Amino acid sequence: MQRALSYLRKIKPEKTYVVSLQTMAFARAEPDKDRMLIERNVKWLQSTQIAEGPHYKGAWSYPGMGDGDNSNSQFALLALHEAERVGVSASNRTWQLAKDYWERCQNKEDGSWGLQSAGRPPGTEA
């Protein structure tokens, strides 16, 4: 386990999935020791959340892709939740943007969520 954590500590934040999983591992394994890395990752996740636009505002995506997706967004929120559990808080704005995004992309027909709202940008009708 220590070898795995040592490896994880060397990975720089560049991709939503990696940063999210790294954050979750740090928060579960040695949160006091890795607090600075958890804080760094929370800041990175907040800075990569899509902050503008009618469709994907509040989501996360692959770096440089622009369009958010529910899978990256789910992982980011799970990481932010674990960070909060160990005392590293995300901003209220981050949570509000995410809440608004998930409400917009919920499938109206059955209340579920798909990868990208049944293949359409969130908030658009078929």
N, C-alpha and C. Protein backbone atom coordinates (compact mmCIF):
# COMPACT_ATOMS: atom_id res chain seq x y z
N MET A 1 0.82 -1.18 0.00
CA MET A 1 0.00 0.00 0.00
C MET A 1 0.87 1.25 0.00
N GLN A 2 1.93 1.24 0.79
CA GLN A 2 2.81 2.41 0.84
C GLN A 2 3.47 2.68 -0.50
N ARG A 3 3.83 1.62 -1.22
CA ARG A 3 4.42 1.81 -2.55
C ARG A 3 3.41 2.45 -3.50
N ALA A 4 2.17 2.02 -3.41
CA ALA A 4 1.12 2.59 -4.26
C ALA A 4 0.89 4.06 -3.93
N LEU A 5 0.82 4.38 -2.65
CA LEU A 5 0.64 5.78 -2.25
C LEU A 5 1.84 6.64 -2.67
N SER A 6 3.02 6.10 -2.53
CA SER A 6 4.21 6.82 -2.95
C SER A 6 4.16 7.13 -4.45
N TYR A 7 3.72 6.17 -5.22
CA TYR A 7 3.56 6.38 -6.66
C TYR A 7 2.51 7.46 -6.94
N LEU A 8 1.37 7.35 -6.27
CA LEU A 8 0.28 8.33 -6.47
C LEU A 8 0.72 9.75 -6.13
N ARG A 9 1.54 9.90 -5.13
CA ARG A 9 1.99 11.23 -4.70
C ARG A 9 2.84 11.93 -5.77
N LYS A 10 3.38 11.18 -6.70
CA LYS A 10 4.23 11.74 -7.75
C LYS A 10 3.45 12.19 -8.99
N ILE A 11 2.18 11.81 -9.07
CA ILE A 11 1.38 12.13 -10.25
C ILE A 11 0.87 13.56 -10.15
N LYS A 12 1.16 14.34 -11.17
CA LYS A 12 0.69 15.73 -11.21
C LYS A 12 -0.75 15.78 -11.75
N PRO A 13 -1.54 16.73 -11.30
CA PRO A 13 -2.94 16.81 -11.76
C PRO A 13 -3.03 17.23 -13.22
N GLU A 14 -3.58 16.34 -14.05
CA GLU A 14 -3.74 16.64 -15.46
C GLU A 14 -5.05 16.12 -16.04
N LYS A 15 -5.66 15.12 -15.40
CA LYS A 15 -6.88 14.51 -15.94
C LYS A 15 -7.89 14.30 -14.82
N THR A 16 -9.14 14.55 -15.12
CA THR A 16 -10.19 14.50 -14.11
C THR A 16 -10.26 13.15 -13.41
N TYR A 17 -10.26 12.07 -14.17
CA TYR A 17 -10.36 10.75 -13.55
C TYR A 17 -9.19 10.49 -12.61
N VAL A 18 -7.99 10.78 -13.06
CA VAL A 18 -6.79 10.51 -12.27
C VAL A 18 -6.78 11.35 -11.00
N VAL A 19 -7.04 12.63 -11.13
CA VAL A 19 -7.06 13.53 -9.96
C VAL A 19 -8.14 13.09 -8.99
N SER A 20 -9.29 12.71 -9.50
CA SER A 20 -10.39 12.29 -8.64
C SER A 20 -10.05 11.02 -7.87
N LEU A 21 -9.56 10.01 -8.57
CA LEU A 21 -9.21 8.76 -7.90
C LEU A 21 -8.05 8.95 -6.93
N GLN A 22 -7.09 9.75 -7.32
CA GLN A 22 -5.96 10.06 -6.44
C GLN A 22 -6.47 10.71 -5.15
N THR A 23 -7.37 11.66 -5.28
CA THR A 23 -7.93 12.37 -4.12
C THR A 23 -8.68 11.40 -3.21
N MET A 24 -9.46 10.52 -3.80
CA MET A 24 -10.21 9.55 -3.01
C MET A 24 -9.27 8.62 -2.25
N ALA A 25 -8.20 8.18 -2.89
CA ALA A 25 -7.23 7.31 -2.23
C ALA A 25 -6.55 8.04 -1.07
N PHE A 26 -6.12 9.28 -1.31
CA PHE A 26 -5.47 10.05 -0.24
C PHE A 26 -6.41 10.25 0.94
N ALA A 27 -7.66 10.56 0.65
CA ALA A 27 -8.64 10.83 1.72
C ALA A 27 -8.94 9.59 2.55
N ARG A 28 -8.83 8.43 1.96
CA ARG A 28 -9.10 7.19 2.68
C ARG A 28 -7.87 6.62 3.38
N ALA A 29 -6.71 6.81 2.78
CA ALA A 29 -5.50 6.15 3.30
C ALA A 29 -4.82 6.96 4.39
N GLU A 30 -4.28 8.12 4.04
CA GLU A 30 -3.52 8.93 4.98
C GLU A 30 -3.85 10.42 4.79
N PRO A 31 -5.08 10.79 5.12
CA PRO A 31 -5.50 12.17 4.83
C PRO A 31 -4.67 13.25 5.53
N ASP A 32 -4.21 12.99 6.73
CA ASP A 32 -3.38 14.00 7.41
C ASP A 32 -2.05 14.19 6.69
N LYS A 33 -1.45 13.10 6.31
CA LYS A 33 -0.17 13.16 5.61
C LYS A 33 -0.31 13.81 4.23
N ASP A 34 -1.41 13.57 3.56
CA ASP A 34 -1.60 14.03 2.19
C ASP A 34 -2.53 15.24 2.07
N ARG A 35 -2.73 15.94 3.16
CA ARG A 35 -3.65 17.08 3.15
C ARG A 35 -3.29 18.12 2.08
N MET A 36 -2.02 18.43 1.93
CA MET A 36 -1.63 19.43 0.94
C MET A 36 -1.95 18.95 -0.48
N LEU A 37 -1.79 17.66 -0.74
CA LEU A 37 -2.13 17.12 -2.06
C LEU A 37 -3.63 17.09 -2.28
N ILE A 38 -4.38 16.79 -1.24
CA ILE A 38 -5.84 16.83 -1.34
C ILE A 38 -6.28 18.26 -1.63
N GLU A 39 -5.72 19.23 -0.92
CA GLU A 39 -6.05 20.64 -1.17
C GLU A 39 -5.69 21.04 -2.59
N ARG A 40 -4.51 20.64 -3.06
CA ARG A 40 -4.10 20.93 -4.44
C ARG A 40 -5.10 20.36 -5.43
N ASN A 41 -5.53 19.12 -5.19
CA ASN A 41 -6.45 18.47 -6.12
C ASN A 41 -7.83 19.11 -6.10
N VAL A 42 -8.29 19.52 -4.93
CA VAL A 42 -9.59 20.21 -4.85
C VAL A 42 -9.52 21.51 -5.65
N LYS A 43 -8.44 22.25 -5.50
CA LYS A 43 -8.27 23.49 -6.27
C LYS A 43 -8.25 23.19 -7.77
N TRP A 44 -7.55 22.13 -8.15
CA TRP A 44 -7.47 21.76 -9.56
C TRP A 44 -8.86 21.38 -10.09
N LEU A 45 -9.60 20.58 -9.34
CA LEU A 45 -10.94 20.19 -9.77
C LEU A 45 -11.84 21.41 -9.90
N GLN A 46 -11.74 22.32 -8.96
CA GLN A 46 -12.55 23.55 -9.05
C GLN A 46 -12.16 24.36 -10.28
N SER A 47 -10.87 24.44 -10.57
CA SER A 47 -10.42 25.25 -11.70
C SER A 47 -10.75 24.62 -13.05
N THR A 48 -10.98 23.31 -13.09
CA THR A 48 -11.30 22.66 -14.35
C THR A 48 -12.80 22.41 -14.54
N GLN A 49 -13.59 22.75 -13.55
CA GLN A 49 -15.04 22.66 -13.72
C GLN A 49 -15.45 23.66 -14.78
N ILE A 50 -16.32 23.25 -15.68
CA ILE A 50 -16.78 24.15 -16.74
C ILE A 50 -17.64 25.23 -16.10
N ALA A 51 -17.22 26.47 -16.24
CA ALA A 51 -17.87 27.57 -15.52
C ALA A 51 -18.77 28.42 -16.40
N GLU A 52 -18.74 28.22 -17.71
CA GLU A 52 -19.54 29.03 -18.62
C GLU A 52 -20.22 28.15 -19.66
N GLY A 53 -21.23 28.72 -20.26
CA GLY A 53 -21.91 28.04 -21.36
C GLY A 53 -23.27 27.52 -20.97
N PRO A 54 -24.15 27.41 -21.95
CA PRO A 54 -25.53 27.01 -21.65
C PRO A 54 -25.72 25.53 -21.37
N HIS A 55 -24.84 24.67 -21.87
CA HIS A 55 -25.11 23.23 -21.78
C HIS A 55 -24.28 22.51 -20.72
N TYR A 56 -22.99 22.77 -20.65
CA TYR A 56 -22.12 21.97 -19.80
C TYR A 56 -21.61 22.72 -18.57
N LYS A 57 -22.13 23.89 -18.32
CA LYS A 57 -21.74 24.66 -17.15
C LYS A 57 -21.98 23.83 -15.89
N GLY A 58 -20.92 23.65 -15.08
CA GLY A 58 -21.04 22.87 -13.85
C GLY A 58 -20.52 21.46 -13.96
N ALA A 59 -20.16 21.03 -15.19
CA ALA A 59 -19.68 19.67 -15.42
C ALA A 59 -18.15 19.66 -15.47
N TRP A 60 -17.60 18.48 -15.61
CA TRP A 60 -16.18 18.27 -15.85
C TRP A 60 -16.03 17.49 -17.14
N SER A 61 -14.86 17.58 -17.74
CA SER A 61 -14.63 16.89 -19.01
C SER A 61 -13.21 16.35 -19.06
N TYR A 62 -12.88 15.78 -20.19
CA TYR A 62 -11.49 15.43 -20.48
C TYR A 62 -10.76 16.75 -20.74
N PRO A 63 -9.52 16.88 -20.32
CA PRO A 63 -8.79 18.14 -20.52
C PRO A 63 -8.79 18.56 -21.99
N GLY A 64 -9.15 19.83 -22.21
CA GLY A 64 -9.14 20.40 -23.54
C GLY A 64 -10.33 20.04 -24.41
N MET A 65 -11.27 19.26 -23.91
CA MET A 65 -12.40 18.81 -24.72
C MET A 65 -13.57 19.80 -24.70
N GLY A 66 -13.73 20.54 -23.64
CA GLY A 66 -14.81 21.53 -23.58
C GLY A 66 -16.14 20.96 -23.14
N ASP A 67 -16.67 19.96 -23.87
CA ASP A 67 -17.96 19.39 -23.51
C ASP A 67 -17.81 18.49 -22.29
N GLY A 68 -18.63 18.74 -21.29
CA GLY A 68 -18.58 17.92 -20.09
C GLY A 68 -19.30 16.61 -20.30
N ASP A 69 -19.08 15.69 -19.40
CA ASP A 69 -19.82 14.44 -19.43
C ASP A 69 -20.09 13.98 -18.00
N ASN A 70 -21.08 13.16 -17.87
CA ASN A 70 -21.53 12.75 -16.53
C ASN A 70 -20.54 11.83 -15.84
N SER A 71 -19.75 11.10 -16.58
CA SER A 71 -18.79 10.20 -15.95
C SER A 71 -17.66 10.98 -15.28
N ASN A 72 -17.01 11.88 -16.02
CA ASN A 72 -15.99 12.73 -15.41
C ASN A 72 -16.58 13.53 -14.26
N SER A 73 -17.79 14.03 -14.45
CA SER A 73 -18.43 14.86 -13.42
C SER A 73 -18.72 14.05 -12.15
N GLN A 74 -19.16 12.82 -12.32
CA GLN A 74 -19.43 11.96 -11.17
C GLN A 74 -18.14 11.71 -10.38
N PHE A 75 -17.06 11.39 -11.07
CA PHE A 75 -15.79 11.14 -10.38
C PHE A 75 -15.31 12.38 -9.64
N ALA A 76 -15.43 13.55 -10.28
CA ALA A 76 -15.01 14.79 -9.63
C ALA A 76 -15.81 15.02 -8.35
N LEU A 77 -17.11 14.81 -8.41
CA LEU A 77 -17.95 15.03 -7.21
C LEU A 77 -17.66 14.01 -6.12
N LEU A 78 -17.40 12.78 -6.49
CA LEU A 78 -17.03 11.78 -5.48
C LEU A 78 -15.74 12.19 -4.77
N ALA A 79 -14.78 12.70 -5.53
CA ALA A 79 -13.52 13.16 -4.95
C ALA A 79 -13.74 14.36 -4.03
N LEU A 80 -14.54 15.31 -4.48
CA LEU A 80 -14.81 16.49 -3.65
C LEU A 80 -15.53 16.09 -2.36
N HIS A 81 -16.41 15.12 -2.46
CA HIS A 81 -17.10 14.63 -1.25
C HIS A 81 -16.10 14.03 -0.27
N GLU A 82 -15.19 13.18 -0.77
CA GLU A 82 -14.19 12.57 0.11
C GLU A 82 -13.26 13.62 0.71
N ALA A 83 -12.92 14.63 -0.08
CA ALA A 83 -12.08 15.71 0.44
C ALA A 83 -12.81 16.44 1.57
N GLU A 84 -14.08 16.73 1.36
CA GLU A 84 -14.86 17.41 2.42
C GLU A 84 -14.95 16.55 3.67
N ARG A 85 -15.05 15.25 3.48
CA ARG A 85 -15.15 14.33 4.62
C ARG A 85 -13.92 14.43 5.52
N VAL A 86 -12.77 14.76 4.94
CA VAL A 86 -11.54 14.88 5.74
C VAL A 86 -11.17 16.35 6.00
N GLY A 87 -12.11 17.26 5.75
CA GLY A 87 -11.90 18.65 6.13
C GLY A 87 -11.36 19.59 5.08
N VAL A 88 -11.34 19.16 3.82
CA VAL A 88 -10.90 20.04 2.73
C VAL A 88 -12.13 20.37 1.90
N SER A 89 -12.60 21.59 2.03
CA SER A 89 -13.88 21.98 1.43
C SER A 89 -13.72 22.58 0.04
N ALA A 90 -14.66 22.25 -0.81
CA ALA A 90 -14.81 22.93 -2.10
C ALA A 90 -15.68 24.16 -1.87
N SER A 91 -15.64 25.09 -2.79
CA SER A 91 -16.43 26.31 -2.64
C SER A 91 -17.91 26.03 -2.84
N ASN A 92 -18.73 26.88 -2.25
CA ASN A 92 -20.18 26.77 -2.46
C ASN A 92 -20.52 26.90 -3.94
N ARG A 93 -19.77 27.75 -4.66
CA ARG A 93 -20.02 27.94 -6.09
C ARG A 93 -19.80 26.63 -6.85
N THR A 94 -18.78 25.89 -6.51
CA THR A 94 -18.51 24.61 -7.17
C THR A 94 -19.69 23.67 -6.99
N TRP A 95 -20.16 23.55 -5.76
CA TRP A 95 -21.30 22.67 -5.48
C TRP A 95 -22.56 23.15 -6.19
N GLN A 96 -22.80 24.46 -6.20
CA GLN A 96 -24.01 24.99 -6.83
C GLN A 96 -23.98 24.77 -8.35
N LEU A 97 -22.83 25.02 -8.98
CA LEU A 97 -22.71 24.77 -10.42
C LEU A 97 -22.97 23.30 -10.73
N ALA A 98 -22.42 22.41 -9.91
CA ALA A 98 -22.63 20.98 -10.12
C ALA A 98 -24.10 20.60 -9.94
N LYS A 99 -24.72 21.12 -8.91
CA LYS A 99 -26.15 20.83 -8.67
C LYS A 99 -26.98 21.28 -9.85
N ASP A 100 -26.75 22.48 -10.32
CA ASP A 100 -27.50 23.01 -11.45
C ASP A 100 -27.29 22.15 -12.70
N TYR A 101 -26.04 21.74 -12.92
CA TYR A 101 -25.73 20.89 -14.08
C TYR A 101 -26.53 19.58 -14.01
N TRP A 102 -26.46 18.89 -12.87
CA TRP A 102 -27.14 17.60 -12.76
C TRP A 102 -28.65 17.74 -12.89
N GLU A 103 -29.20 18.82 -12.39
CA GLU A 103 -30.64 19.04 -12.55
C GLU A 103 -31.00 19.27 -14.02
N ARG A 104 -30.15 19.99 -14.75
CA ARG A 104 -30.41 20.26 -16.18
C ARG A 104 -30.29 18.99 -17.02
N CYS A 105 -29.38 18.10 -16.69
CA CYS A 105 -29.14 16.96 -17.58
C CYS A 105 -29.92 15.71 -17.19
N GLN A 106 -30.75 15.81 -16.17
CA GLN A 106 -31.56 14.65 -15.80
C GLN A 106 -32.57 14.35 -16.91
N ASN A 107 -32.70 13.08 -17.28
CA ASN A 107 -33.66 12.69 -18.30
C ASN A 107 -35.07 12.88 -17.75
N LYS A 108 -35.83 13.67 -18.46
CA LYS A 108 -37.17 14.01 -17.99
C LYS A 108 -38.14 12.83 -18.08
N GLU A 109 -37.88 11.91 -19.00
CA GLU A 109 -38.79 10.79 -19.21
C GLU A 109 -38.87 9.87 -17.99
N ASP A 110 -37.70 9.56 -17.40
CA ASP A 110 -37.70 8.57 -16.32
C ASP A 110 -36.88 8.98 -15.10
N GLY A 111 -36.31 10.20 -15.11
CA GLY A 111 -35.56 10.69 -13.96
C GLY A 111 -34.14 10.17 -13.86
N SER A 112 -33.69 9.42 -14.85
CA SER A 112 -32.33 8.87 -14.82
C SER A 112 -31.33 9.86 -15.40
N TRP A 113 -30.08 9.45 -15.41
CA TRP A 113 -29.01 10.22 -16.05
C TRP A 113 -28.25 9.27 -16.95
N GLY A 114 -27.88 9.75 -18.13
CA GLY A 114 -27.03 8.99 -19.03
C GLY A 114 -25.64 9.59 -19.04
N LEU A 115 -24.80 9.09 -19.93
CA LEU A 115 -23.45 9.65 -20.04
C LEU A 115 -23.52 11.12 -20.42
N GLN A 116 -24.38 11.44 -21.39
CA GLN A 116 -24.58 12.84 -21.78
C GLN A 116 -26.04 13.07 -22.09
N SER A 117 -26.87 12.85 -21.13
CA SER A 117 -28.29 13.16 -21.25
C SER A 117 -28.87 12.62 -22.55
N ALA A 118 -28.84 11.31 -22.72
CA ALA A 118 -29.38 10.62 -23.89
C ALA A 118 -28.76 11.13 -25.19
N GLY A 119 -27.47 11.48 -25.15
CA GLY A 119 -26.76 11.91 -26.34
C GLY A 119 -26.97 13.37 -26.69
N ARG A 120 -27.71 14.09 -25.89
CA ARG A 120 -27.97 15.51 -26.15
C ARG A 120 -27.30 16.34 -25.06
N PRO A 121 -26.93 17.56 -25.40
CA PRO A 121 -26.43 18.44 -24.35
C PRO A 121 -27.51 18.62 -23.28
N PRO A 122 -27.12 18.70 -22.02
CA PRO A 122 -28.11 18.88 -20.96
C PRO A 122 -28.96 20.11 -21.18
N GLY A 123 -30.23 19.98 -20.89
CA GLY A 123 -31.14 21.12 -21.01
C GLY A 123 -31.76 21.25 -22.37
N THR A 124 -31.42 20.37 -23.33
CA THR A 124 -32.02 20.44 -24.65
C THR A 124 -33.07 19.35 -24.78
N GLU A 125 -34.03 19.60 -25.57
CA GLU A 125 -35.11 18.63 -25.78
C GLU A 125 -34.86 17.86 -27.06
N ALA A 126 -35.37 16.65 -27.11
CA ALA A 126 -35.21 15.81 -28.31
C ALA A 126 -36.09 16.32 -29.43
